[in-house]
Protein backbone atom coordinates (compact mmCIF):
# COMPACT_ATOMS: atom_id res chain seq x y z
CA MET A 1 6.54 -16.61 18.75
CA ASN A 2 3.65 -17.32 16.38
CA HIS A 3 2.96 -14.24 14.25
CA THR A 4 0.09 -15.76 12.26
CA LEU A 5 -2.97 -13.52 12.01
CA ARG A 6 -6.56 -14.40 11.04
CA LEU A 7 -9.12 -12.02 9.55
CA LYS A 8 -12.77 -12.62 8.67
CA VAL A 9 -14.04 -10.85 5.56
CA THR A 10 -17.67 -10.75 4.41
CA ALA A 11 -19.44 -9.09 1.48
CA PRO A 12 -22.73 -9.34 -0.42
CA LEU A 13 -20.86 -9.54 -3.74
CA ALA A 14 -17.39 -10.54 -4.93
CA CYS A 15 -15.73 -11.15 -8.28
CA PHE A 16 -12.23 -12.61 -8.61
CA THR A 17 -12.03 -12.51 -12.39
CA ARG A 18 -10.63 -15.42 -14.34
CA PRO A 19 -8.27 -13.98 -17.01
CA GLU A 20 -9.40 -16.47 -19.64
CA ALA A 21 -12.91 -14.95 -19.49
CA LYS A 22 -11.62 -11.94 -21.47
CA VAL A 23 -14.27 -9.19 -21.78
CA GLU A 24 -17.08 -10.87 -19.83
CA ARG A 25 -16.09 -11.24 -16.17
CA VAL A 26 -16.40 -14.70 -14.60
CA SER A 27 -15.28 -15.18 -11.02
CA TYR A 28 -13.16 -17.95 -9.55
CA LEU A 29 -14.99 -20.07 -6.97
CA CYS A 30 -12.69 -18.79 -4.23
CA MET A 31 -10.81 -15.65 -3.30
CA THR A 32 -7.37 -15.44 -4.90
CA PRO A 33 -4.18 -14.93 -2.81
CA SER A 34 -3.59 -11.51 -4.40
CA ALA A 35 -7.11 -10.38 -3.42
CA ALA A 36 -6.47 -11.56 0.15
CA ARG A 37 -3.22 -9.61 0.23
CA GLY A 38 -5.08 -6.53 -1.01
CA VAL A 39 -7.60 -6.80 1.83
CA LEU A 40 -4.81 -7.00 4.41
CA GLU A 41 -2.96 -4.06 2.86
CA SER A 42 -6.12 -1.96 2.92
CA ILE A 43 -6.10 -2.32 6.72
CA LEU A 44 -2.35 -2.00 7.34
CA TRP A 45 0.37 -1.34 4.80
CA LYS A 46 3.97 -0.34 5.47
CA PRO A 47 7.00 -0.52 3.17
CA GLU A 48 8.85 -2.16 6.07
CA PHE A 49 6.99 -5.46 5.67
CA VAL A 50 4.96 -7.55 3.22
CA TRP A 51 1.98 -9.83 3.83
CA ILE A 52 2.48 -13.55 3.28
CA VAL A 53 -0.91 -15.24 2.85
CA ARG A 54 -0.92 -18.80 4.22
CA SER A 55 -4.49 -19.98 3.63
CA ILE A 56 -8.01 -18.84 2.72
CA SER A 57 -11.03 -20.55 4.28
CA MET A 58 -14.47 -20.41 2.66
CA LEU A 59 -17.20 -20.14 5.28
CA ARG A 60 -20.24 -20.23 2.98
CA PRO A 61 -21.34 -22.30 -0.03
CA VAL A 62 -20.57 -21.02 -3.52
CA GLN A 63 -23.45 -18.97 -4.92
CA PHE A 64 -23.32 -17.14 -8.24
CA THR A 65 -25.30 -14.15 -9.41
CA SER A 66 -25.48 -12.58 -12.86
CA ILE A 67 -25.02 -8.84 -13.31
CA ARG A 68 -25.31 -6.84 -16.52
CA ARG A 69 -24.28 -3.21 -16.32
CA ASN A 70 -23.04 -0.24 -18.29
CA GLU A 71 -19.30 0.45 -18.29
CA ILE A 72 -17.02 2.88 -20.07
CA GLN A 73 -14.50 1.50 -22.52
CA ASP A 74 -11.56 3.68 -21.51
CA THR A 75 -10.59 6.68 -19.39
CA ILE A 76 -9.51 10.24 -20.11
CA PRO A 77 -5.69 10.40 -20.17
CA THR A 78 -4.05 12.77 -17.70
CA LEU A 79 -2.06 14.52 -20.44
CA GLY A 80 -5.29 15.14 -22.33
CA ALA A 81 -6.93 16.77 -19.32
CA LEU A 82 -3.86 18.97 -18.76
CA LYS A 83 -3.94 20.01 -22.41
CA TRP A 84 -7.59 21.05 -22.08
CA MET A 85 -6.72 23.12 -19.00
CA ARG A 86 -4.03 24.99 -20.92
CA ASP A 87 -6.01 25.41 -24.12
CA HIS A 88 -9.80 25.38 -23.76
CA SER A 89 -10.27 25.38 -27.53
CA SER A 90 -8.82 21.87 -27.72
CA TYR A 91 -11.45 20.47 -25.34
CA SER A 92 -13.58 17.64 -26.66
CA PRO A 93 -16.42 16.20 -24.55
CA TYR A 94 -16.24 12.60 -23.35
CA TYR A 95 -19.70 11.19 -24.05
CA THR A 96 -20.64 8.05 -22.12
CA ASP A 97 -24.39 7.95 -22.66
CA SER A 98 -25.16 9.89 -25.80
CA ALA A 99 -27.77 8.07 -27.86
CA GLY A 100 -27.72 8.89 -31.55
CA ARG A 101 -23.95 9.41 -31.87
CA LYS A 102 -21.68 6.54 -32.87
CA SER A 103 -24.05 3.91 -31.49
CA PRO A 104 -27.43 3.77 -29.73
CA TYR A 105 -25.58 2.96 -26.50
CA GLY A 106 -23.39 6.04 -26.54
CA GLU A 107 -19.92 6.84 -27.78
CA ASN A 108 -17.91 5.26 -24.97
CA ARG A 109 -20.46 3.13 -23.12
CA VAL A 110 -20.63 -0.64 -23.43
CA GLN A 111 -22.74 -3.28 -21.67
CA ARG A 112 -20.82 -6.11 -20.04
CA HIS A 113 -21.90 -9.22 -18.20
CA THR A 114 -20.43 -10.26 -14.83
CA LEU A 115 -20.84 -13.67 -13.21
CA ALA A 116 -20.06 -12.79 -9.59
CA LEU A 117 -20.20 -14.54 -6.24
CA ARG A 118 -22.83 -13.50 -3.71
CA ASP A 119 -23.06 -13.68 0.07
CA VAL A 120 -19.41 -14.60 0.60
CA ALA A 121 -17.40 -14.99 3.80
CA TYR A 122 -13.73 -15.90 4.14
CA VAL A 123 -11.12 -16.23 6.86
CA ILE A 124 -7.66 -15.13 5.71
CA THR A 125 -4.64 -16.55 7.51
CA ALA A 126 -1.43 -14.61 6.95
CA GLU A 127 1.65 -13.20 8.60
CA PRO A 128 3.82 -10.10 8.05
CA GLN A 129 7.41 -10.53 6.88
CA LEU A 130 9.99 -7.78 7.26
CA THR A 131 11.71 -6.35 4.19
CA GLU A 132 15.12 -4.70 3.77
CA LYS A 133 13.47 -1.32 4.46
CA ALA A 134 12.63 -2.30 8.04
CA ASN A 135 16.05 -1.28 9.37
CA LEU A 136 16.45 1.99 7.47
CA SER A 137 16.50 5.33 9.27
CA ARG A 138 13.12 7.02 9.66
CA THR A 139 12.46 9.82 7.15
CA LYS A 140 8.80 10.49 8.01
CA PRO A 141 6.99 11.23 11.30
CA LEU A 142 5.99 8.25 13.41
CA ASP A 143 2.56 6.81 12.63
CA PRO A 144 0.14 7.82 15.43
CA ASP A 145 -0.99 4.20 15.68
CA ALA A 146 2.55 2.81 15.87
CA ALA A 147 4.59 2.29 19.00
CA ASP A 148 8.00 3.94 19.11
CA GLY A 149 11.05 1.72 18.83
CA PRO A 150 12.56 -0.70 16.33
CA ASN A 151 10.49 -2.12 13.48
CA THR A 152 9.64 -5.68 14.50
CA ILE A 153 7.03 -8.24 13.52
CA GLU A 154 5.47 -7.95 16.98
CA LYS A 155 5.01 -4.22 16.46
CA TYR A 156 3.05 -4.66 13.21
CA VAL A 157 1.02 -7.57 14.57
CA ALA A 158 -0.13 -5.36 17.45
CA MET A 159 -0.95 -2.50 15.06
CA PHE A 160 -2.99 -4.78 12.84
CA ASN A 161 -4.95 -6.27 15.74
CA ARG A 162 -5.75 -2.80 17.10
CA ARG A 163 -7.05 -1.61 13.74
CA VAL A 164 -9.21 -4.69 13.27
CA THR A 165 -10.68 -4.27 16.76
CA LYS A 166 -11.47 -0.60 16.08
CA GLY A 167 -12.69 -1.22 12.52
CA GLN A 168 -10.01 1.09 11.12
CA CYS A 169 -8.51 0.78 7.64
CA PHE A 170 -6.38 2.75 5.21
CA GLN A 171 -9.05 2.32 2.54
CA GLN A 172 -12.28 0.34 2.40
CA PRO A 173 -11.46 -3.29 1.56
CA TYR A 174 -13.13 -4.77 -1.51
CA LEU A 175 -13.36 -8.21 -3.06
CA GLY A 176 -12.17 -8.21 -6.65
CA LEU A 177 -13.92 -5.06 -7.87
CA ARG A 178 -13.75 -1.78 -6.00
CA GLU A 179 -17.54 -1.41 -5.94
CA PHE A 180 -17.83 -4.74 -4.08
CA ALA A 181 -16.98 -3.32 -0.65
CA ALA A 182 -16.27 -5.76 2.18
CA ASN A 183 -16.56 -5.77 5.97
CA PHE A 184 -13.89 -7.22 8.23
CA GLU A 185 -13.62 -8.41 11.82
CA ALA A 186 -11.72 -10.82 14.02
CA PRO A 187 -12.95 -14.41 13.43
CA THR A 188 -14.42 -16.61 16.15
CA VAL A 189 -14.06 -20.32 16.84
CA ALA A 190 -17.31 -20.94 14.98
CA ASP A 191 -15.98 -19.40 11.76
CA GLU A 192 -15.07 -22.61 9.96
CA PRO A 193 -16.12 -24.06 6.57
CA ASP A 194 -19.55 -25.71 6.47
CA PRO A 195 -18.94 -29.50 6.53
CA THR A 196 -22.33 -30.21 4.91
CA ASP A 197 -21.65 -28.26 1.71
CA THR A 198 -20.69 -30.31 -1.34
CA ILE A 199 -17.66 -28.22 -2.31
CA LEU A 200 -16.54 -27.28 1.18
CA SER A 201 -16.62 -30.90 2.37
CA SER A 202 -14.74 -32.36 -0.61
CA ASP A 203 -11.07 -33.25 -0.35
CA PRO A 204 -9.63 -32.13 -2.66
CA TYR A 205 -11.79 -29.99 -4.95
CA PRO A 206 -9.72 -28.79 -7.97
CA LEU A 207 -9.99 -25.12 -8.87
CA GLY A 208 -7.72 -25.36 -11.91
CA ARG A 209 -4.91 -22.92 -12.61
CA MET A 210 -5.57 -19.91 -10.42
CA PHE A 211 -4.00 -16.48 -10.50
CA TYR A 212 -1.53 -16.23 -7.61
CA ASP A 213 -0.05 -12.74 -7.82
CA PHE A 214 2.17 -10.52 -9.93
CA ASP A 215 5.91 -10.98 -10.20
CA TYR A 216 7.28 -7.44 -9.85
CA ARG A 217 10.70 -6.92 -11.41
CA GLY A 218 13.41 -4.36 -10.92
CA ASP A 219 12.81 -2.72 -14.31
CA GLY A 220 9.25 -1.76 -13.33
CA THR A 221 7.53 -4.49 -15.34
CA ARG A 222 5.35 -7.23 -13.91
CA SER A 223 4.20 -10.67 -15.02
CA PRO A 224 1.23 -12.67 -13.70
CA LEU A 225 1.90 -15.92 -11.87
CA PHE A 226 -0.44 -18.93 -11.92
CA ALA A 227 -0.46 -22.23 -10.06
CA PRO A 228 -2.73 -25.25 -9.59
CA ALA A 229 -5.16 -24.66 -6.71
CA PHE A 230 -7.22 -27.08 -4.60
CA LEU A 231 -9.86 -26.66 -1.93
CA ARG A 232 -9.38 -29.12 0.89
CA ARG A 233 -12.54 -29.13 3.01
CA GLY A 234 -13.16 -25.51 2.18
CA VAL A 235 -9.58 -24.31 2.70
CA LEU A 236 -7.24 -23.05 -0.02
CA ASP A 237 -3.68 -23.82 1.11
CA VAL A 238 -1.72 -20.93 -0.39
CA ASP A 239 1.60 -22.41 0.74
CA GLU A 240 0.82 -25.51 -1.33
CA MET A 241 -0.21 -23.29 -4.21
CA ARG A 242 3.00 -21.27 -3.88
CA ALA A 243 5.05 -24.45 -4.14
CA GLY A 244 3.32 -25.17 -7.47
CA LEU A 245 4.61 -21.99 -9.10
CA THR A 246 7.00 -22.96 -11.88
CA LEU A 247 9.04 -21.14 -14.49
CA GLU A 248 6.87 -22.72 -17.18
CA ALA A 249 3.68 -21.31 -15.61
CA THR A 250 5.31 -17.87 -15.31
CA THR A 251 6.42 -17.91 -18.94
CA GLU A 252 3.00 -18.92 -20.22
CA ALA A 253 1.37 -16.08 -18.28
CA GLN A 254 3.49 -13.35 -19.82
């Protein structure tokens, strides 16, 4: 049985940051596989399976927009907040917009530039794959949206389709940055890349080395993985990209 699922995602803004851009955010031209996985997990996530992204289709031409905004440089550590709760005398305010202190922009505020995508639409093609936890004994109550019985791919496919139809999600999906919220729905036959667009009609269109995902290790550490990526008539073949992952690319990304 074919367990491949398709999901249409749209948003007014998106930013899939290129790591070489450093402080100033510059987006890739296309959604990254890890961002697609994050969208799927925001709708349905279970430790019994993982999402395997197969392809990402771009439905609209690439359009950039420039954003300049105020951001904070760091966050208040949890241990620091707990210390303030125990001893109020040790409290020190966290100023984010306090002109006249260390700088005219405030003590912890900084202005950063973002080159983001606007008016984006994608179709994600993926399938769930069971993990070793799928056959373990249940330790928590049954999910109200899940059918009773063994954990199978068919079970999770049905759950995902029901949630998409109802517009339900675990958390609001977003594209790159949490403030860039996205909408999702089941795609139609008409949801295909525009053949008249320069980039979407090219075959292939090189995207360079793109971030694929993190390599999570047993010791709790993680390393970023990169691979050459190409758009073929508006479609990013993630399986082809996955085949391009090499030990050399993994080592360079550490």
